């Protein structure tokens, strides 16, 4: 991440992808979804990583 961009929450990613929050947690458990990062006890996503994952799914 070259600039200090705002990281997305699980809710942000779910809204962007149009899936329930529970689906993101299932994808994370099975390691099939976009890459997320634990920051303390919070799960955050780099927007560019999410968009890259979406492109890889096409």
N, C-alpha and C. Protein backbone atom coordinates (compact mmCIF):
# COMPACT_ATOMS: atom_id res chain seq x y z
N UNK A 1 0.85 -1.16 0.00
CA UNK A 1 0.00 0.00 0.00
C UNK A 1 0.90 1.22 0.00
N UNK A 2 0.94 1.93 -1.11
CA UNK A 2 1.88 3.04 -1.25
C UNK A 2 1.41 4.30 -0.54
N UNK A 3 0.12 4.51 -0.45
CA UNK A 3 -0.39 5.68 0.26
C UNK A 3 -1.24 5.21 1.43
N UNK A 4 -1.51 6.11 2.33
CA UNK A 4 -2.32 5.75 3.49
C UNK A 4 -3.80 5.81 3.11
N UNK A 5 -4.24 4.79 2.44
CA UNK A 5 -5.65 4.69 2.05
C UNK A 5 -6.46 4.13 3.20
N UNK A 6 -7.73 4.41 3.20
CA UNK A 6 -8.62 3.88 4.22
C UNK A 6 -8.81 2.39 3.99
N UNK A 7 -8.63 1.62 5.03
CA UNK A 7 -8.87 0.18 4.94
C UNK A 7 -10.36 -0.08 5.06
N UNK A 8 -10.82 -1.14 4.39
CA UNK A 8 -12.24 -1.48 4.42
C UNK A 8 -12.53 -2.44 5.56
N UNK A 9 -13.68 -2.28 6.16
CA UNK A 9 -14.16 -3.21 7.18
C UNK A 9 -14.83 -4.39 6.47
N UNK A 10 -15.19 -5.40 7.25
CA UNK A 10 -15.91 -6.55 6.69
C UNK A 10 -17.23 -6.08 6.08
N UNK A 11 -17.89 -5.15 6.75
CA UNK A 11 -19.16 -4.63 6.25
C UNK A 11 -18.97 -3.89 4.93
N UNK A 12 -17.88 -3.12 4.81
CA UNK A 12 -17.59 -2.41 3.56
C UNK A 12 -17.41 -3.39 2.40
N UNK A 13 -16.64 -4.44 2.64
CA UNK A 13 -16.37 -5.43 1.59
C UNK A 13 -17.65 -6.18 1.23
N UNK A 14 -18.44 -6.54 2.22
CA UNK A 14 -19.70 -7.24 1.96
C UNK A 14 -20.62 -6.38 1.10
N UNK A 15 -20.70 -5.11 1.40
CA UNK A 15 -21.53 -4.20 0.61
C UNK A 15 -20.99 -4.08 -0.81
N UNK A 16 -19.69 -3.92 -0.95
CA UNK A 16 -19.05 -3.79 -2.26
C UNK A 16 -19.31 -5.03 -3.12
N UNK A 17 -19.19 -6.21 -2.51
CA UNK A 17 -19.35 -7.46 -3.26
C UNK A 17 -20.81 -7.91 -3.36
N UNK A 18 -21.67 -7.34 -2.54
CA UNK A 18 -23.08 -7.73 -2.54
C UNK A 18 -23.32 -9.10 -1.94
N UNK A 19 -22.55 -9.43 -0.91
CA UNK A 19 -22.70 -10.72 -0.22
C UNK A 19 -22.89 -10.46 1.27
N UNK A 20 -23.48 -11.43 1.98
CA UNK A 20 -23.61 -11.28 3.44
C UNK A 20 -22.24 -11.31 4.13
N UNK A 21 -22.15 -10.67 5.27
CA UNK A 21 -20.93 -10.67 6.07
C UNK A 21 -20.50 -12.10 6.39
N UNK A 22 -21.45 -12.97 6.68
CA UNK A 22 -21.14 -14.36 7.01
C UNK A 22 -20.40 -15.06 5.87
N UNK A 23 -20.72 -14.69 4.64
CA UNK A 23 -20.03 -15.28 3.48
C UNK A 23 -18.56 -14.92 3.49
N UNK A 24 -18.23 -13.69 3.83
CA UNK A 24 -16.82 -13.28 3.91
C UNK A 24 -16.08 -14.08 4.96
N UNK A 25 -16.71 -14.31 6.10
CA UNK A 25 -16.07 -15.10 7.15
C UNK A 25 -15.89 -16.55 6.71
N UNK A 26 -16.84 -17.10 5.96
CA UNK A 26 -16.70 -18.46 5.44
C UNK A 26 -15.56 -18.52 4.43
N UNK A 27 -15.50 -17.53 3.52
CA UNK A 27 -14.42 -17.49 2.54
C UNK A 27 -13.07 -17.39 3.24
N UNK A 28 -13.01 -16.59 4.30
CA UNK A 28 -11.75 -16.45 5.03
C UNK A 28 -11.35 -17.78 5.67
N UNK A 29 -12.31 -18.48 6.26
CA UNK A 29 -12.05 -19.78 6.88
C UNK A 29 -11.53 -20.79 5.86
N UNK A 30 -12.12 -20.76 4.66
CA UNK A 30 -11.71 -21.70 3.60
C UNK A 30 -10.59 -21.15 2.72
N UNK A 31 -10.15 -19.93 3.03
CA UNK A 31 -9.07 -19.27 2.27
C UNK A 31 -9.39 -19.16 0.79
N UNK A 32 -10.61 -18.77 0.48
CA UNK A 32 -11.01 -18.62 -0.92
C UNK A 32 -11.38 -17.19 -1.27
N UNK A 33 -11.54 -16.33 -0.30
CA UNK A 33 -11.98 -14.96 -0.54
C UNK A 33 -10.82 -14.00 -0.65
N UNK A 34 -11.13 -12.70 -0.69
CA UNK A 34 -10.07 -11.69 -0.75
C UNK A 34 -9.23 -11.72 0.53
N UNK A 35 -7.99 -11.34 0.38
CA UNK A 35 -7.05 -11.36 1.51
C UNK A 35 -7.41 -10.29 2.53
N UNK A 36 -7.55 -10.70 3.77
CA UNK A 36 -7.84 -9.77 4.85
C UNK A 36 -6.69 -9.74 5.83
N UNK A 37 -6.64 -8.70 6.63
CA UNK A 37 -5.56 -8.52 7.61
C UNK A 37 -6.16 -8.28 8.98
N UNK A 38 -5.60 -8.92 9.98
CA UNK A 38 -5.99 -8.68 11.36
C UNK A 38 -5.18 -7.50 11.88
N UNK A 39 -5.88 -6.51 12.39
CA UNK A 39 -5.24 -5.38 13.04
C UNK A 39 -5.81 -5.36 14.45
N UNK A 40 -5.01 -5.88 15.38
CA UNK A 40 -5.54 -6.11 16.72
C UNK A 40 -6.59 -7.20 16.62
N UNK A 41 -7.79 -6.90 17.07
CA UNK A 41 -8.86 -7.89 16.95
C UNK A 41 -9.81 -7.58 15.80
N UNK A 42 -9.43 -6.62 14.97
CA UNK A 42 -10.28 -6.19 13.87
C UNK A 42 -9.78 -6.76 12.55
N UNK A 43 -10.70 -7.11 11.67
CA UNK A 43 -10.37 -7.60 10.34
C UNK A 43 -10.55 -6.45 9.36
N UNK A 44 -9.51 -6.18 8.59
CA UNK A 44 -9.55 -5.09 7.61
C UNK A 44 -9.05 -5.60 6.27
N UNK A 45 -9.50 -4.92 5.21
CA UNK A 45 -9.14 -5.27 3.85
C UNK A 45 -8.56 -4.06 3.14
N UNK A 46 -7.53 -4.28 2.32
CA UNK A 46 -6.99 -3.24 1.46
C UNK A 46 -7.88 -3.20 0.22
N UNK A 47 -8.48 -2.05 -0.11
CA UNK A 47 -9.40 -2.00 -1.24
C UNK A 47 -8.80 -2.54 -2.55
N UNK A 48 -7.54 -2.24 -2.80
CA UNK A 48 -6.90 -2.72 -4.03
C UNK A 48 -6.81 -4.25 -4.06
N UNK A 49 -6.60 -4.87 -2.90
CA UNK A 49 -6.56 -6.34 -2.82
C UNK A 49 -7.93 -6.94 -3.14
N UNK A 50 -8.98 -6.29 -2.65
CA UNK A 50 -10.34 -6.78 -2.91
C UNK A 50 -10.64 -6.66 -4.40
N UNK A 51 -10.32 -5.53 -4.99
CA UNK A 51 -10.60 -5.32 -6.42
C UNK A 51 -9.78 -6.27 -7.28
N UNK A 52 -8.55 -6.53 -6.88
CA UNK A 52 -7.70 -7.49 -7.60
C UNK A 52 -8.29 -8.89 -7.51
N UNK A 53 -8.79 -9.27 -6.34
CA UNK A 53 -9.41 -10.58 -6.16
C UNK A 53 -10.63 -10.72 -7.06
N UNK A 54 -11.42 -9.65 -7.15
CA UNK A 54 -12.62 -9.68 -8.00
C UNK A 54 -12.21 -9.91 -9.45
N UNK A 55 -11.17 -9.22 -9.92
CA UNK A 55 -10.71 -9.40 -11.30
C UNK A 55 -10.20 -10.81 -11.53
N UNK A 56 -9.56 -11.40 -10.55
CA UNK A 56 -9.05 -12.78 -10.68
C UNK A 56 -10.19 -13.79 -10.77
N UNK A 57 -11.38 -13.44 -10.26
CA UNK A 57 -12.51 -14.36 -10.28
C UNK A 57 -13.20 -14.41 -11.64
N UNK A 58 -12.92 -13.44 -12.50
CA UNK A 58 -13.59 -13.38 -13.81
C UNK A 58 -12.97 -14.34 -14.80
